[in-house]
All heavy atoms as atom14 arrays in JSON, in Angstrom:
{
  "sequence": "AEMLTNRLRVTAPLALYSITLAVLVSIPLGVALALIRAQ",
  "atom14_mask": [
    [1, 1, 1, 1, 1, 0, 0, 0, 0, 0, 0, 0, 0, 0],
    [1, 1, 1, 1, 1, 1, 1, 1, 1, 0, 0, 0, 0, 0],
    [1, 1, 1, 1, 1, 1, 1, 1, 0, 0, 0, 0, 0, 0],
    [1, 1, 1, 1, 1, 1, 1, 1, 0, 0, 0, 0, 0, 0],
    [1, 1, 1, 1, 1, 1, 1, 0, 0, 0, 0, 0, 0, 0],
    [1, 1, 1, 1, 1, 1, 1, 1, 0, 0, 0, 0, 0, 0],
    [1, 1, 1, 1, 1, 1, 1, 1, 1, 1, 1, 0, 0, 0],
    [1, 1, 1, 1, 1, 1, 1, 1, 0, 0, 0, 0, 0, 0],
    [1, 1, 1, 1, 1, 1, 1, 1, 1, 1, 1, 0, 0, 0],
    [1, 1, 1, 1, 1, 1, 1, 0, 0, 0, 0, 0, 0, 0],
    [1, 1, 1, 1, 1, 1, 1, 0, 0, 0, 0, 0, 0, 0],
    [1, 1, 1, 1, 1, 0, 0, 0, 0, 0, 0, 0, 0, 0],
    [1, 1, 1, 1, 1, 1, 1, 0, 0, 0, 0, 0, 0, 0],
    [1, 1, 1, 1, 1, 1, 1, 1, 0, 0, 0, 0, 0, 0],
    [1, 1, 1, 1, 1, 0, 0, 0, 0, 0, 0, 0, 0, 0],
    [1, 1, 1, 1, 1, 1, 1, 1, 0, 0, 0, 0, 0, 0],
    [1, 1, 1, 1, 1, 1, 1, 1, 1, 1, 1, 1, 0, 0],
    [1, 1, 1, 1, 1, 1, 0, 0, 0, 0, 0, 0, 0, 0],
    [1, 1, 1, 1, 1, 1, 1, 1, 0, 0, 0, 0, 0, 0],
    [1, 1, 1, 1, 1, 1, 1, 0, 0, 0, 0, 0, 0, 0],
    [1, 1, 1, 1, 1, 1, 1, 1, 0, 0, 0, 0, 0, 0],
    [1, 1, 1, 1, 1, 0, 0, 0, 0, 0, 0, 0, 0, 0],
    [1, 1, 1, 1, 1, 1, 1, 0, 0, 0, 0, 0, 0, 0],
    [1, 1, 1, 1, 1, 1, 1, 1, 0, 0, 0, 0, 0, 0],
    [1, 1, 1, 1, 1, 1, 1, 0, 0, 0, 0, 0, 0, 0],
    [1, 1, 1, 1, 1, 1, 0, 0, 0, 0, 0, 0, 0, 0],
    [1, 1, 1, 1, 1, 1, 1, 1, 0, 0, 0, 0, 0, 0],
    [1, 1, 1, 1, 1, 1, 1, 0, 0, 0, 0, 0, 0, 0],
    [1, 1, 1, 1, 1, 1, 1, 1, 0, 0, 0, 0, 0, 0],
    [1, 1, 1, 1, 0, 0, 0, 0, 0, 0, 0, 0, 0, 0],
    [1, 1, 1, 1, 1, 1, 1, 0, 0, 0, 0, 0, 0, 0],
    [1, 1, 1, 1, 1, 0, 0, 0, 0, 0, 0, 0, 0, 0],
    [1, 1, 1, 1, 1, 1, 1, 1, 0, 0, 0, 0, 0, 0],
    [1, 1, 1, 1, 1, 0, 0, 0, 0, 0, 0, 0, 0, 0],
    [1, 1, 1, 1, 1, 1, 1, 1, 0, 0, 0, 0, 0, 0],
    [1, 1, 1, 1, 1, 1, 1, 1, 0, 0, 0, 0, 0, 0],
    [1, 1, 1, 1, 1, 1, 1, 1, 1, 1, 1, 0, 0, 0],
    [1, 1, 1, 1, 1, 0, 0, 0, 0, 0, 0, 0, 0, 0],
    [1, 1, 1, 1, 1, 1, 1, 1, 1, 0, 0, 0, 0, 0]
  ],
  "atom14_positions": [
    [[260.81, 90.46, -43.08], [261.43, 91.04, -44.29], [260.58, 92.19, -44.83], [261.12, 93.22, -45.26], [261.6, 89.96, -45.35], [0.0, 0.0, 0.0], [0.0, 0.0, 0.0], [0.0, 0.0, 0.0], [0.0, 0.0, 0.0], [0.0, 0.0, 0.0], [0.0, 0.0, 0.0], [0.0, 0.0, 0.0], [0.0, 0.0, 0.0], [0.0, 0.0, 0.0]],
    [[259.27, 92.03, -44.8], [258.37, 93.08, -45.29], [258.48, 94.33, -44.42], [258.53, 95.46, -44.92], [256.93, 92.57, -45.31], [255.9, 93.61, -45.72], [254.47, 93.1, -45.53], [254.22, 91.93, -45.84], [253.63, 93.9, -45.05], [0.0, 0.0, 0.0], [0.0, 0.0, 0.0], [0.0, 0.0, 0.0], [0.0, 0.0, 0.0], [0.0, 0.0, 0.0]],
    [[258.54, 94.13, -43.1], [258.64, 95.26, -42.18], [259.97, 96.0, -42.36], [260.01, 97.23, -42.35], [258.5, 94.77, -40.74], [257.15, 94.17, -40.42], [257.01, 93.66, -38.71], [257.09, 95.25, -37.88], [0.0, 0.0, 0.0], [0.0, 0.0, 0.0], [0.0, 0.0, 0.0], [0.0, 0.0, 0.0], [0.0, 0.0, 0.0], [0.0, 0.0, 0.0]],
    [[261.05, 95.24, -42.53], [262.35, 95.86, -42.75], [262.37, 96.66, -44.04], [262.92, 97.77, -44.09], [263.45, 94.79, -42.77], [263.94, 94.27, -41.42], [264.92, 93.13, -41.62], [264.58, 95.39, -40.62], [0.0, 0.0, 0.0], [0.0, 0.0, 0.0], [0.0, 0.0, 0.0], [0.0, 0.0, 0.0], [0.0, 0.0, 0.0], [0.0, 0.0, 0.0]],
    [[261.78, 96.11, -45.09], [261.74, 96.8, -46.38], [261.01, 98.14, -46.25], [261.47, 99.16, -46.78], [261.04, 95.92, -47.44], [261.76, 94.69, -47.57], [261.0, 96.64, -48.78], [0.0, 0.0, 0.0], [0.0, 0.0, 0.0], [0.0, 0.0, 0.0], [0.0, 0.0, 0.0], [0.0, 0.0, 0.0], [0.0, 0.0, 0.0], [0.0, 0.0, 0.0]],
    [[259.9, 98.15, -45.52], [259.15, 99.4, -45.34], [259.95, 100.42, -44.53], [259.96, 101.61, -44.84], [257.82, 99.1, -44.64], [256.87, 98.32, -45.52], [256.96, 98.36, -46.75], [255.95, 97.57, -44.91], [0.0, 0.0, 0.0], [0.0, 0.0, 0.0], [0.0, 0.0, 0.0], [0.0, 0.0, 0.0], [0.0, 0.0, 0.0], [0.0, 0.0, 0.0]],
    [[260.63, 99.95, -43.47], [261.38, 100.86, -42.61], [262.65, 101.36, -43.28], [263.15, 102.44, -42.94], [261.72, 100.17, -41.29], [260.5, 99.81, -40.44], [259.64, 101.02, -40.13], [258.52, 100.7, -39.28], [258.46, 100.99, -37.97], [259.48, 101.57, -37.39], [257.39, 100.68, -37.26], [0.0, 0.0, 0.0], [0.0, 0.0, 0.0], [0.0, 0.0, 0.0]],
    [[263.2, 100.58, -44.2], [264.42, 101.01, -44.9], [264.17, 102.21, -45.8], [265.12, 102.9, -46.19], [264.98, 99.86, -45.74], [265.75, 98.79, -44.97], [266.12, 97.63, -45.87], [267.0, 99.37, -44.34], [0.0, 0.0, 0.0], [0.0, 0.0, 0.0], [0.0, 0.0, 0.0], [0.0, 0.0, 0.0], [0.0, 0.0, 0.0], [0.0, 0.0, 0.0]],
    [[262.93, 102.5, -46.11], [262.61, 103.69, -46.89], [262.97, 104.96, -46.13], [263.11, 106.03, -46.73], [261.13, 103.7, -47.26], [260.73, 102.59, -48.23], [259.22, 102.51, -48.39], [258.68, 103.75, -48.92], [258.62, 104.04, -50.2], [259.09, 103.19, -51.1], [258.11, 105.18, -50.62], [0.0, 0.0, 0.0], [0.0, 0.0, 0.0], [0.0, 0.0, 0.0]],
    [[263.11, 104.85, -44.82], [263.56, 105.98, -44.0], [265.03, 105.83, -43.62], [265.82, 106.76, -43.77], [262.7, 106.1, -42.72], [263.25, 107.19, -41.8], [261.25, 106.4, -43.07], [0.0, 0.0, 0.0], [0.0, 0.0, 0.0], [0.0, 0.0, 0.0], [0.0, 0.0, 0.0], [0.0, 0.0, 0.0], [0.0, 0.0, 0.0], [0.0, 0.0, 0.0]],
    [[265.41, 104.65, -43.14], [266.76, 104.44, -42.62], [267.83, 104.52, -43.7], [268.89, 105.13, -43.5], [266.84, 103.08, -41.9], [265.92, 103.08, -40.82], [268.24, 102.84, -41.36], [0.0, 0.0, 0.0], [0.0, 0.0, 0.0], [0.0, 0.0, 0.0], [0.0, 0.0, 0.0], [0.0, 0.0, 0.0], [0.0, 0.0, 0.0], [0.0, 0.0, 0.0]],
    [[267.6, 103.89, -44.85], [268.61, 103.87, -45.92], [268.91, 105.29, -46.43], [270.09, 105.67, -46.53], [268.17, 102.96, -47.06], [0.0, 0.0, 0.0], [0.0, 0.0, 0.0], [0.0, 0.0, 0.0], [0.0, 0.0, 0.0], [0.0, 0.0, 0.0], [0.0, 0.0, 0.0], [0.0, 0.0, 0.0], [0.0, 0.0, 0.0], [0.0, 0.0, 0.0]],
    [[267.9, 106.11, -46.76], [268.21, 107.49, -47.17], [268.89, 108.3, -46.06], [269.76, 109.11, -46.34], [266.84, 108.08, -47.51], [265.99, 106.91, -47.83], [266.46, 105.82, -46.93], [0.0, 0.0, 0.0], [0.0, 0.0, 0.0], [0.0, 0.0, 0.0], [0.0, 0.0, 0.0], [0.0, 0.0, 0.0], [0.0, 0.0, 0.0], [0.0, 0.0, 0.0]],
    [[268.48, 108.06, -44.81], [269.1, 108.79, -43.69], [270.58, 108.45, -43.57], [271.42, 109.34, -43.42], [268.37, 108.46, -42.39], [268.97, 109.06, -41.11], [269.03, 110.58, -41.2], [268.16, 108.63, -39.89], [0.0, 0.0, 0.0], [0.0, 0.0, 0.0], [0.0, 0.0, 0.0], [0.0, 0.0, 0.0], [0.0, 0.0, 0.0], [0.0, 0.0, 0.0]],
    [[270.91, 107.15, -43.64], [272.31, 106.74, -43.56], [273.11, 107.28, -44.75], [274.23, 107.79, -44.58], [272.4, 105.22, -43.49], [0.0, 0.0, 0.0], [0.0, 0.0, 0.0], [0.0, 0.0, 0.0], [0.0, 0.0, 0.0], [0.0, 0.0, 0.0], [0.0, 0.0, 0.0], [0.0, 0.0, 0.0], [0.0, 0.0, 0.0], [0.0, 0.0, 0.0]],
    [[272.54, 107.19, -45.95], [273.23, 107.68, -47.15], [273.41, 109.19, -47.1], [274.48, 109.72, -47.47], [272.44, 107.28, -48.39], [273.07, 107.62, -49.74], [274.42, 106.92, -49.89], [272.13, 107.23, -50.88], [0.0, 0.0, 0.0], [0.0, 0.0, 0.0], [0.0, 0.0, 0.0], [0.0, 0.0, 0.0], [0.0, 0.0, 0.0], [0.0, 0.0, 0.0]],
    [[272.4, 109.89, -46.63], [272.47, 111.35, -46.48], [273.57, 111.72, -45.48], [274.38, 112.63, -45.74], [271.1, 111.84, -45.98], [270.86, 113.33, -46.09], [271.81, 114.2, -46.61], [269.64, 113.86, -45.67], [271.55, 115.56, -46.7], [269.38, 115.22, -45.77], [270.34, 116.06, -46.28], [270.1, 117.41, -46.37], [0.0, 0.0, 0.0], [0.0, 0.0, 0.0]],
    [[273.65, 111.0, -44.37], [274.68, 111.28, -43.35], [276.07, 111.02, -43.89], [277.0, 111.83, -43.67], [274.43, 110.4, -42.12], [273.14, 110.57, -41.59], [0.0, 0.0, 0.0], [0.0, 0.0, 0.0], [0.0, 0.0, 0.0], [0.0, 0.0, 0.0], [0.0, 0.0, 0.0], [0.0, 0.0, 0.0], [0.0, 0.0, 0.0], [0.0, 0.0, 0.0]],
    [[276.24, 109.91, -44.6], [277.54, 109.58, -45.18], [277.96, 110.64, -46.2], [279.11, 111.1, -46.22], [277.48, 108.19, -45.85], [277.36, 107.09, -44.79], [278.71, 107.95, -46.72], [277.07, 105.71, -45.36], [0.0, 0.0, 0.0], [0.0, 0.0, 0.0], [0.0, 0.0, 0.0], [0.0, 0.0, 0.0], [0.0, 0.0, 0.0], [0.0, 0.0, 0.0]],
    [[277.02, 111.06, -47.04], [277.32, 112.07, -48.06], [277.75, 113.39, -47.42], [278.73, 114.01, -47.84], [276.1, 112.29, -48.97], [275.71, 111.05, -49.55], [276.43, 113.29, -50.08], [0.0, 0.0, 0.0], [0.0, 0.0, 0.0], [0.0, 0.0, 0.0], [0.0, 0.0, 0.0], [0.0, 0.0, 0.0], [0.0, 0.0, 0.0], [0.0, 0.0, 0.0]],
    [[277.01, 113.82, -46.41], [277.36, 115.05, -45.7], [278.75, 114.95, -45.08], [279.56, 115.88, -45.18], [276.34, 115.35, -44.61], [274.99, 115.95, -45.02], [274.09, 116.1, -43.81], [275.2, 117.29, -45.7], [0.0, 0.0, 0.0], [0.0, 0.0, 0.0], [0.0, 0.0, 0.0], [0.0, 0.0, 0.0], [0.0, 0.0, 0.0], [0.0, 0.0, 0.0]],
    [[279.02, 113.81, -44.44], [280.3, 113.63, -43.76], [281.46, 113.71, -44.74], [282.48, 114.37, -44.48], [280.33, 112.29, -43.02], [0.0, 0.0, 0.0], [0.0, 0.0, 0.0], [0.0, 0.0, 0.0], [0.0, 0.0, 0.0], [0.0, 0.0, 0.0], [0.0, 0.0, 0.0], [0.0, 0.0, 0.0], [0.0, 0.0, 0.0], [0.0, 0.0, 0.0]],
    [[281.33, 113.06, -45.9], [282.41, 113.06, -46.9], [282.57, 114.43, -47.54], [283.7, 114.95, -47.67], [282.14, 111.99, -47.97], [283.13, 112.1, -49.12], [282.22, 110.6, -47.36], [0.0, 0.0, 0.0], [0.0, 0.0, 0.0], [0.0, 0.0, 0.0], [0.0, 0.0, 0.0], [0.0, 0.0, 0.0], [0.0, 0.0, 0.0], [0.0, 0.0, 0.0]],
    [[281.45, 115.05, -47.95], [281.52, 116.33, -48.65], [282.06, 117.45, -47.78], [282.64, 118.43, -48.29], [280.13, 116.71, -49.19], [279.58, 115.84, -50.31], [278.22, 116.34, -50.75], [280.53, 115.8, -51.5], [0.0, 0.0, 0.0], [0.0, 0.0, 0.0], [0.0, 0.0, 0.0], [0.0, 0.0, 0.0], [0.0, 0.0, 0.0], [0.0, 0.0, 0.0]],
    [[281.86, 117.34, -46.47], [282.34, 118.4, -45.57], [283.75, 118.1, -45.06], [284.64, 118.96, -45.09], [281.38, 118.57, -44.37], [281.97, 119.54, -43.35], [280.03, 119.06, -44.85], [0.0, 0.0, 0.0], [0.0, 0.0, 0.0], [0.0, 0.0, 0.0], [0.0, 0.0, 0.0], [0.0, 0.0, 0.0], [0.0, 0.0, 0.0], [0.0, 0.0, 0.0]],
    [[284.0, 116.87, -44.61], [285.25, 116.57, -43.91], [286.48, 116.58, -44.81], [287.53, 117.11, -44.41], [285.14, 115.21, -43.21], [284.91, 114.17, -44.14], [0.0, 0.0, 0.0], [0.0, 0.0, 0.0], [0.0, 0.0, 0.0], [0.0, 0.0, 0.0], [0.0, 0.0, 0.0], [0.0, 0.0, 0.0], [0.0, 0.0, 0.0], [0.0, 0.0, 0.0]],
    [[286.39, 116.02, -46.02], [287.58, 115.95, -46.87], [288.02, 117.34, -47.36], [289.19, 117.71, -47.19], [287.35, 114.98, -48.05], [287.22, 113.55, -47.51], [288.5, 115.07, -49.05], [286.98, 112.5, -48.56], [0.0, 0.0, 0.0], [0.0, 0.0, 0.0], [0.0, 0.0, 0.0], [0.0, 0.0, 0.0], [0.0, 0.0, 0.0], [0.0, 0.0, 0.0]],
    [[287.12, 118.15, -47.94], [287.57, 119.51, -48.32], [288.04, 120.33, -47.11], [289.02, 121.08, -47.21], [286.32, 120.14, -48.95], [285.5, 118.98, -49.4], [285.73, 117.91, -48.39], [0.0, 0.0, 0.0], [0.0, 0.0, 0.0], [0.0, 0.0, 0.0], [0.0, 0.0, 0.0], [0.0, 0.0, 0.0], [0.0, 0.0, 0.0], [0.0, 0.0, 0.0]],
    [[287.35, 120.19, -45.98], [287.75, 120.95, -44.79], [289.11, 120.51, -44.29], [289.95, 121.34, -43.9], [286.69, 120.77, -43.7], [286.91, 121.57, -42.4], [286.98, 123.06, -42.7], [285.79, 121.28, -41.41], [0.0, 0.0, 0.0], [0.0, 0.0, 0.0], [0.0, 0.0, 0.0], [0.0, 0.0, 0.0], [0.0, 0.0, 0.0], [0.0, 0.0, 0.0]],
    [[289.36, 119.2, -44.29], [290.67, 118.71, -43.86], [291.78, 119.18, -44.77], [292.86, 119.55, -44.31], [0.0, 0.0, 0.0], [0.0, 0.0, 0.0], [0.0, 0.0, 0.0], [0.0, 0.0, 0.0], [0.0, 0.0, 0.0], [0.0, 0.0, 0.0], [0.0, 0.0, 0.0], [0.0, 0.0, 0.0], [0.0, 0.0, 0.0], [0.0, 0.0, 0.0]],
    [[291.52, 119.19, -46.09], [292.52, 119.67, -47.05], [292.79, 121.16, -46.83], [293.96, 121.61, -46.8], [292.05, 119.42, -48.49], [292.98, 120.1, -49.49], [291.96, 117.93, -48.77], [0.0, 0.0, 0.0], [0.0, 0.0, 0.0], [0.0, 0.0, 0.0], [0.0, 0.0, 0.0], [0.0, 0.0, 0.0], [0.0, 0.0, 0.0], [0.0, 0.0, 0.0]],
    [[291.73, 121.93, -46.65], [291.89, 123.37, -46.44], [292.7, 123.66, -45.17], [293.59, 124.52, -45.16], [290.52, 124.04, -46.36], [0.0, 0.0, 0.0], [0.0, 0.0, 0.0], [0.0, 0.0, 0.0], [0.0, 0.0, 0.0], [0.0, 0.0, 0.0], [0.0, 0.0, 0.0], [0.0, 0.0, 0.0], [0.0, 0.0, 0.0], [0.0, 0.0, 0.0]],
    [[292.42, 122.95, -44.11], [293.14, 123.17, -42.85], [294.61, 122.75, -42.95], [295.47, 123.32, -42.28], [292.45, 122.41, -41.72], [291.09, 122.97, -41.29], [290.37, 122.0, -40.37], [291.27, 124.31, -40.59], [0.0, 0.0, 0.0], [0.0, 0.0, 0.0], [0.0, 0.0, 0.0], [0.0, 0.0, 0.0], [0.0, 0.0, 0.0], [0.0, 0.0, 0.0]],
    [[294.89, 121.75, -43.78], [296.29, 121.34, -43.97], [297.07, 122.38, -44.75], [298.28, 122.56, -44.53], [296.34, 119.99, -44.69], [0.0, 0.0, 0.0], [0.0, 0.0, 0.0], [0.0, 0.0, 0.0], [0.0, 0.0, 0.0], [0.0, 0.0, 0.0], [0.0, 0.0, 0.0], [0.0, 0.0, 0.0], [0.0, 0.0, 0.0], [0.0, 0.0, 0.0]],
    [[296.39, 123.08, -45.66], [297.07, 124.07, -46.49], [297.14, 125.44, -45.81], [297.99, 126.26, -46.16], [296.36, 124.2, -47.84], [296.33, 122.92, -48.69], [295.58, 123.16, -49.99], [297.74, 122.43, -48.98], [0.0, 0.0, 0.0], [0.0, 0.0, 0.0], [0.0, 0.0, 0.0], [0.0, 0.0, 0.0], [0.0, 0.0, 0.0], [0.0, 0.0, 0.0]],
    [[296.24, 125.69, -44.86], [296.26, 126.95, -44.11], [297.15, 126.76, -42.88], [296.82, 125.99, -41.99], [294.84, 127.37, -43.69], [293.97, 127.63, -44.91], [294.91, 128.63, -42.82], [292.52, 127.9, -44.59], [0.0, 0.0, 0.0], [0.0, 0.0, 0.0], [0.0, 0.0, 0.0], [0.0, 0.0, 0.0], [0.0, 0.0, 0.0], [0.0, 0.0, 0.0]],
    [[298.23, 127.46, -42.84], [299.19, 127.26, -41.75], [298.99, 128.23, -40.59], [299.81, 128.27, -39.68], [300.62, 127.4, -42.29], [300.94, 126.42, -43.42], [300.77, 124.98, -42.96], [301.06, 124.04, -44.02], [302.27, 123.55, -44.27], [303.31, 123.94, -43.55], [302.44, 122.68, -45.25], [0.0, 0.0, 0.0], [0.0, 0.0, 0.0], [0.0, 0.0, 0.0]],
    [[297.92, 129.03, -40.6], [297.7, 130.01, -39.54], [297.48, 129.29, -38.21], [296.64, 128.4, -38.1], [296.49, 130.88, -39.87], [0.0, 0.0, 0.0], [0.0, 0.0, 0.0], [0.0, 0.0, 0.0], [0.0, 0.0, 0.0], [0.0, 0.0, 0.0], [0.0, 0.0, 0.0], [0.0, 0.0, 0.0], [0.0, 0.0, 0.0], [0.0, 0.0, 0.0]],
    [[298.25, 129.67, -37.21], [298.19, 128.99, -35.92], [296.83, 129.18, -35.24], [296.31, 128.26, -34.62], [299.3, 129.51, -35.0], [299.42, 128.76, -33.69], [300.6, 129.21, -32.87], [301.36, 130.07, -33.28], [300.76, 128.64, -31.69], [0.0, 0.0, 0.0], [0.0, 0.0, 0.0], [0.0, 0.0, 0.0], [0.0, 0.0, 0.0], [0.0, 0.0, 0.0]]
  ]
}
């Protein structure tokens, strides 16, 4: 448990950072592409 707690100081921010990037980029980009009808 102690080892996991120490390692989570890297893994938890990395996972949260990845999730945040994925959401902030994919949803606005998907909306923009749906509204832009250029072939």
